[in-house]
N, C-alpha and C. Protein backbone atom coordinates (compact mmCIF):
# COMPACT_ATOMS: atom_id res chain seq x y z
N MET A 1 92.24 256.42 115.71
CA MET A 1 93.66 256.38 115.99
C MET A 1 93.85 256.10 117.47
N GLN A 2 94.75 255.19 117.77
CA GLN A 2 95.08 254.83 119.14
C GLN A 2 96.27 255.65 119.61
N THR A 3 96.26 255.99 120.91
CA THR A 3 97.35 256.77 121.48
C THR A 3 97.95 255.98 122.64
N TYR A 4 99.27 255.90 122.67
CA TYR A 4 99.99 255.18 123.70
C TYR A 4 101.05 256.09 124.30
N VAL A 5 101.30 255.91 125.60
CA VAL A 5 102.39 256.60 126.27
C VAL A 5 103.37 255.52 126.71
N VAL A 6 104.64 255.69 126.34
CA VAL A 6 105.67 254.74 126.74
C VAL A 6 106.64 255.45 127.67
N ARG A 7 106.77 254.91 128.88
CA ARG A 7 107.71 255.46 129.85
C ARG A 7 108.85 254.47 130.01
N VAL A 8 110.06 254.91 129.70
CA VAL A 8 111.23 254.06 129.82
C VAL A 8 111.98 254.48 131.08
N TYR A 9 112.17 253.54 131.98
CA TYR A 9 112.79 253.84 133.26
C TYR A 9 114.24 253.41 133.35
N ARG A 10 114.66 252.50 132.51
CA ARG A 10 116.01 252.00 132.62
C ARG A 10 116.52 251.58 131.25
N ARG A 11 117.78 251.88 131.00
CA ARG A 11 118.41 251.41 129.76
C ARG A 11 119.87 251.15 130.05
N ASP A 12 120.35 250.00 129.64
CA ASP A 12 121.74 249.64 129.79
C ASP A 12 122.52 250.29 128.66
N SER A 13 123.51 251.11 128.99
CA SER A 13 124.26 251.83 127.96
C SER A 13 125.07 250.89 127.07
N ASP A 14 125.35 249.68 127.56
CA ASP A 14 126.09 248.70 126.74
C ASP A 14 125.19 247.87 125.84
N ASN A 15 123.90 247.81 126.18
CA ASN A 15 122.98 246.98 125.42
C ASN A 15 121.65 247.72 125.29
N ASN A 16 121.36 248.25 124.13
CA ASN A 16 120.15 249.05 123.92
C ASN A 16 118.86 248.25 124.07
N ASN A 17 118.93 246.91 124.03
CA ASN A 17 117.73 246.10 124.20
C ASN A 17 117.32 245.99 125.66
N GLU A 18 118.20 246.37 126.57
CA GLU A 18 117.91 246.29 128.00
C GLU A 18 117.19 247.55 128.47
N VAL A 19 115.88 247.54 128.32
CA VAL A 19 115.05 248.65 128.76
C VAL A 19 113.93 248.09 129.63
N ALA A 20 113.40 248.94 130.47
CA ALA A 20 112.25 248.58 131.29
C ALA A 20 111.35 249.80 131.37
N GLY A 21 110.07 249.57 131.49
CA GLY A 21 109.16 250.70 131.58
C GLY A 21 107.72 250.27 131.60
N ILE A 22 106.85 251.22 131.29
CA ILE A 22 105.41 251.01 131.28
C ILE A 22 104.85 251.59 130.00
N ILE A 23 103.93 250.86 129.40
CA ILE A 23 103.20 251.39 128.26
C ILE A 23 101.74 251.54 128.68
N GLU A 24 101.15 252.66 128.31
CA GLU A 24 99.77 252.95 128.70
C GLU A 24 98.94 253.22 127.45
N LYS A 25 97.79 252.59 127.41
CA LYS A 25 96.81 252.86 126.37
C LYS A 25 95.96 254.01 126.88
N VAL A 26 96.08 255.17 126.27
CA VAL A 26 95.52 256.41 126.80
C VAL A 26 94.00 256.34 126.93
N GLU A 27 93.31 255.81 125.94
CA GLU A 27 91.85 255.81 125.93
C GLU A 27 91.26 255.05 127.11
N THR A 28 91.92 253.97 127.55
CA THR A 28 91.38 253.13 128.62
C THR A 28 92.19 253.23 129.91
N ARG A 29 93.31 253.92 129.86
CA ARG A 29 94.25 254.02 130.98
C ARG A 29 94.82 252.67 131.40
N GLN A 30 94.71 251.69 130.51
CA GLN A 30 95.27 250.37 130.77
C GLN A 30 96.79 250.46 130.69
N GLN A 31 97.48 249.88 131.68
CA GLN A 31 98.94 249.94 131.71
C GLN A 31 99.52 248.54 131.76
N HIS A 32 100.73 248.41 131.22
CA HIS A 32 101.43 247.14 131.26
C HIS A 32 102.92 247.41 131.37
N ALA A 33 103.56 246.76 132.32
CA ALA A 33 105.01 246.90 132.47
C ALA A 33 105.71 246.01 131.44
N PHE A 34 106.89 246.42 131.01
CA PHE A 34 107.67 245.61 130.07
C PHE A 34 109.14 245.65 130.44
N ILE A 35 109.83 244.59 130.06
CA ILE A 35 111.29 244.52 130.19
C ILE A 35 111.82 244.03 128.85
N GLY A 36 112.58 244.86 128.19
CA GLY A 36 113.15 244.50 126.89
C GLY A 36 112.30 245.00 125.73
N LEU A 37 112.97 245.21 124.62
CA LEU A 37 112.27 245.71 123.44
C LEU A 37 111.28 244.70 122.87
N SER A 38 111.59 243.41 122.98
CA SER A 38 110.66 242.41 122.45
C SER A 38 109.36 242.39 123.25
N GLU A 39 109.45 242.56 124.57
CA GLU A 39 108.23 242.61 125.38
C GLU A 39 107.44 243.89 125.11
N LEU A 40 108.13 244.98 124.87
CA LEU A 40 107.45 246.23 124.49
C LEU A 40 106.68 246.02 123.19
N GLN A 41 107.31 245.40 122.22
CA GLN A 41 106.66 245.14 120.94
C GLN A 41 105.47 244.20 121.12
N ASP A 42 105.63 243.15 121.92
CA ASP A 42 104.53 242.21 122.16
C ASP A 42 103.34 242.91 122.80
N THR A 43 103.63 243.79 123.77
CA THR A 43 102.56 244.51 124.46
C THR A 43 101.81 245.42 123.50
N LEU A 44 102.54 246.14 122.65
CA LEU A 44 101.89 247.00 121.66
C LEU A 44 101.00 246.17 120.74
N GLU A 45 101.49 245.02 120.31
CA GLU A 45 100.70 244.17 119.43
C GLU A 45 99.43 243.70 120.13
N GLN A 46 99.52 243.36 121.42
CA GLN A 46 98.34 242.95 122.18
C GLN A 46 97.33 244.08 122.28
N PHE A 47 97.82 245.29 122.56
CA PHE A 47 96.92 246.44 122.64
C PHE A 47 96.23 246.67 121.30
N ILE A 48 96.95 246.55 120.22
CA ILE A 48 96.37 246.77 118.89
C ILE A 48 95.33 245.69 118.59
N LYS A 49 95.64 244.44 118.93
CA LYS A 49 94.67 243.36 118.69
C LYS A 49 93.42 243.56 119.53
N SER A 50 93.58 243.98 120.78
CA SER A 50 92.40 244.20 121.63
C SER A 50 91.57 245.35 121.08
N ASN A 51 92.23 246.36 120.52
CA ASN A 51 91.50 247.47 119.92
C ASN A 51 90.72 247.00 118.70
N ASP A 52 91.32 246.13 117.89
CA ASP A 52 90.62 245.58 116.73
C ASP A 52 89.38 244.82 117.17
N ALA A 53 89.49 244.05 118.24
CA ALA A 53 88.35 243.28 118.75
C ALA A 53 87.28 244.23 119.27
N GLU A 54 87.68 245.30 119.94
CA GLU A 54 86.72 246.27 120.45
C GLU A 54 85.98 246.94 119.31
N THR A 55 86.67 247.21 118.22
CA THR A 55 86.06 247.87 117.07
C THR A 55 85.03 246.95 116.43
N ARG A 56 85.35 245.65 116.33
CA ARG A 56 84.42 244.70 115.72
C ARG A 56 83.27 244.33 116.64
N LEU A 57 83.54 244.29 117.96
CA LEU A 57 82.55 243.85 118.92
C LEU A 57 82.37 244.90 120.02
N PRO A 58 81.73 246.02 119.70
CA PRO A 58 81.64 247.10 120.69
C PRO A 58 80.90 246.72 121.95
N GLY A 59 80.07 245.70 121.93
CA GLY A 59 79.33 245.29 123.12
C GLY A 59 80.20 244.71 124.22
N VAL A 60 81.40 244.21 123.87
CA VAL A 60 82.29 243.63 124.87
C VAL A 60 83.49 244.52 125.13
N ARG A 61 83.40 245.75 124.75
CA ARG A 61 84.53 246.67 124.89
C ARG A 61 85.03 246.76 126.32
N GLY A 62 84.14 246.89 127.30
CA GLY A 62 84.56 247.02 128.68
C GLY A 62 85.30 245.78 129.17
N GLN A 63 84.88 244.62 128.74
CA GLN A 63 85.56 243.40 129.15
C GLN A 63 86.96 243.32 128.57
N LEU A 64 87.12 243.63 127.31
CA LEU A 64 88.41 243.53 126.67
C LEU A 64 89.38 244.58 127.18
N ALA A 65 88.88 245.76 127.47
CA ALA A 65 89.75 246.84 127.91
C ALA A 65 90.03 246.76 129.40
N GLY A 66 89.33 245.89 130.12
CA GLY A 66 89.55 245.78 131.54
C GLY A 66 88.88 246.89 132.33
N THR A 67 87.91 247.55 131.73
CA THR A 67 87.20 248.64 132.43
C THR A 67 85.72 248.39 132.30
N GLU A 68 84.95 249.02 133.15
CA GLU A 68 83.51 248.93 133.07
C GLU A 68 82.97 250.03 132.18
N ILE A 69 81.87 249.74 131.53
CA ILE A 69 81.24 250.75 130.67
C ILE A 69 80.16 251.45 131.46
């Protein structure tokens, strides 16, 4: 199971899609800033895809996660 922390720093009260923040993949401490709900969704999808690749190819885990093993 993957764990993510989403920090939302700004939201426009007139438009709920106007958000900004940071999403963090807890296991690797990898962070990515986002603006808007669509970018948040895209970032989550990228994290999930990278996790799938790490699971299939554990030898390249450090490269995909951006950390050294």
